[in-house]
N, C-alpha and C. Protein backbone atom coordinates (compact mmCIF):
# COMPACT_ATOMS: atom_id res chain seq x y z
N UNK A 1 171.59 102.01 153.63
CA UNK A 1 171.85 101.43 152.34
C UNK A 1 173.34 101.19 152.16
N UNK A 2 174.17 102.16 152.47
CA UNK A 2 175.58 102.01 152.18
C UNK A 2 176.27 101.04 153.13
N UNK A 3 175.82 100.91 154.39
CA UNK A 3 176.48 99.95 155.29
C UNK A 3 176.23 98.52 154.82
N UNK A 4 175.04 98.24 154.35
CA UNK A 4 174.76 96.90 153.83
C UNK A 4 175.60 96.64 152.58
N UNK A 5 175.71 97.62 151.73
CA UNK A 5 176.50 97.45 150.51
C UNK A 5 177.97 97.29 150.79
N UNK A 6 178.49 98.04 151.75
CA UNK A 6 179.91 97.96 152.05
C UNK A 6 180.25 96.62 152.67
N UNK A 7 179.38 96.10 153.52
CA UNK A 7 179.64 94.80 154.12
C UNK A 7 179.52 93.68 153.10
N UNK A 8 178.68 93.85 152.08
CA UNK A 8 178.47 92.81 151.09
C UNK A 8 179.37 92.95 149.88
N UNK A 9 179.33 94.09 149.24
CA UNK A 9 180.06 94.29 147.99
C UNK A 9 180.54 95.74 147.95
N UNK A 10 181.73 95.96 148.45
CA UNK A 10 182.19 97.34 148.66
C UNK A 10 182.46 98.10 147.37
N UNK A 11 182.83 97.43 146.30
CA UNK A 11 183.14 98.14 145.06
C UNK A 11 181.89 98.78 144.48
N UNK A 12 180.79 98.05 144.43
CA UNK A 12 179.54 98.60 143.90
C UNK A 12 179.04 99.76 144.75
N UNK A 13 179.14 99.63 146.06
CA UNK A 13 178.69 100.70 146.95
C UNK A 13 179.54 101.94 146.79
N UNK A 14 180.83 101.77 146.63
CA UNK A 14 181.72 102.91 146.44
C UNK A 14 181.44 103.62 145.13
N UNK A 15 181.23 102.86 144.08
CA UNK A 15 180.92 103.45 142.77
C UNK A 15 179.59 104.21 142.84
N UNK A 16 178.61 103.65 143.51
CA UNK A 16 177.32 104.32 143.66
C UNK A 16 177.45 105.61 144.46
N UNK A 17 178.22 105.58 145.54
CA UNK A 17 178.42 106.78 146.36
C UNK A 17 179.16 107.87 145.59
N UNK A 18 180.19 107.49 144.85
CA UNK A 18 180.95 108.48 144.07
C UNK A 18 180.08 109.05 142.96
N UNK A 19 179.28 108.22 142.31
CA UNK A 19 178.40 108.71 141.24
C UNK A 19 177.36 109.68 141.81
N UNK A 20 176.82 109.39 142.98
CA UNK A 20 175.85 110.30 143.60
C UNK A 20 176.52 111.63 143.96
N UNK A 21 177.74 111.58 144.47
CA UNK A 21 178.45 112.82 144.81
C UNK A 21 178.73 113.65 143.56
N UNK A 22 179.18 113.01 142.50
CA UNK A 22 179.48 113.73 141.26
C UNK A 22 178.20 114.33 140.68
N UNK A 23 177.12 113.57 140.74
CA UNK A 23 175.85 114.10 140.22
C UNK A 23 175.41 115.33 141.00
N UNK A 24 175.60 115.31 142.32
CA UNK A 24 175.22 116.48 143.12
C UNK A 24 176.17 117.64 142.95
N UNK A 25 177.45 117.37 142.94
CA UNK A 25 178.44 118.43 142.98
C UNK A 25 178.75 119.00 141.59
N UNK A 26 179.09 118.16 140.65
CA UNK A 26 179.55 118.63 139.35
C UNK A 26 178.41 118.91 138.37
N UNK A 27 177.43 118.02 138.33
CA UNK A 27 176.37 118.15 137.33
C UNK A 27 175.18 118.94 137.83
N UNK A 28 175.16 119.29 139.12
CA UNK A 28 174.08 120.09 139.72
C UNK A 28 172.70 119.45 139.52
N UNK A 29 172.64 118.14 139.67
CA UNK A 29 171.37 117.41 139.59
C UNK A 29 170.60 117.68 140.89
N UNK A 30 169.28 117.82 140.83
CA UNK A 30 168.51 118.05 142.06
C UNK A 30 168.69 116.90 143.06
N UNK A 31 168.73 117.26 144.33
CA UNK A 31 168.98 116.27 145.37
C UNK A 31 167.92 115.16 145.38
N UNK A 32 166.66 115.51 145.15
CA UNK A 32 165.62 114.49 145.18
C UNK A 32 165.82 113.46 144.08
N UNK A 33 166.32 113.88 142.93
CA UNK A 33 166.56 112.95 141.82
C UNK A 33 167.72 112.02 142.14
N UNK A 34 168.75 112.56 142.79
CA UNK A 34 169.90 111.73 143.16
C UNK A 34 169.49 110.70 144.21
N UNK A 35 168.68 111.11 145.18
CA UNK A 35 168.23 110.18 146.22
C UNK A 35 167.40 109.05 145.62
N UNK A 36 166.47 109.39 144.74
CA UNK A 36 165.63 108.35 144.12
C UNK A 36 166.48 107.42 143.24
N UNK A 37 167.37 108.00 142.44
CA UNK A 37 168.21 107.18 141.55
C UNK A 37 169.17 106.29 142.34
N UNK A 38 169.79 106.85 143.38
CA UNK A 38 170.72 106.06 144.19
C UNK A 38 169.99 104.95 144.93
N UNK A 39 168.81 105.24 145.40
CA UNK A 39 168.02 104.21 146.08
C UNK A 39 167.62 103.08 145.13
N UNK A 40 167.19 103.45 143.94
CA UNK A 40 166.78 102.43 142.96
C UNK A 40 167.98 101.60 142.50
N UNK A 41 169.10 102.27 142.23
CA UNK A 41 170.28 101.53 141.80
C UNK A 41 170.84 100.67 142.93
N UNK A 42 170.82 101.22 144.14
CA UNK A 42 171.27 100.43 145.29
C UNK A 42 170.43 99.20 145.50
N UNK A 43 169.12 99.35 145.35
CA UNK A 43 168.22 98.20 145.51
C UNK A 43 168.47 97.16 144.42
N UNK A 44 168.73 97.61 143.21
CA UNK A 44 168.94 96.68 142.09
C UNK A 44 170.33 96.04 142.12
N UNK A 45 171.34 96.79 142.49
CA UNK A 45 172.71 96.29 142.39
C UNK A 45 173.20 95.66 143.70
N UNK A 46 172.88 96.30 144.81
CA UNK A 46 173.40 95.82 146.08
C UNK A 46 172.46 94.80 146.65
């Protein structure tokens, strides 16, 4: 997902990656929820 996004539109992919990291690290969101949300947002935005 991220290689396609970086080759096409790097700003959106970077924002998505940082948001997923913050959700996992700072907000302690479950990993399965971050994976599903990042996949859905990546599919919609990238």
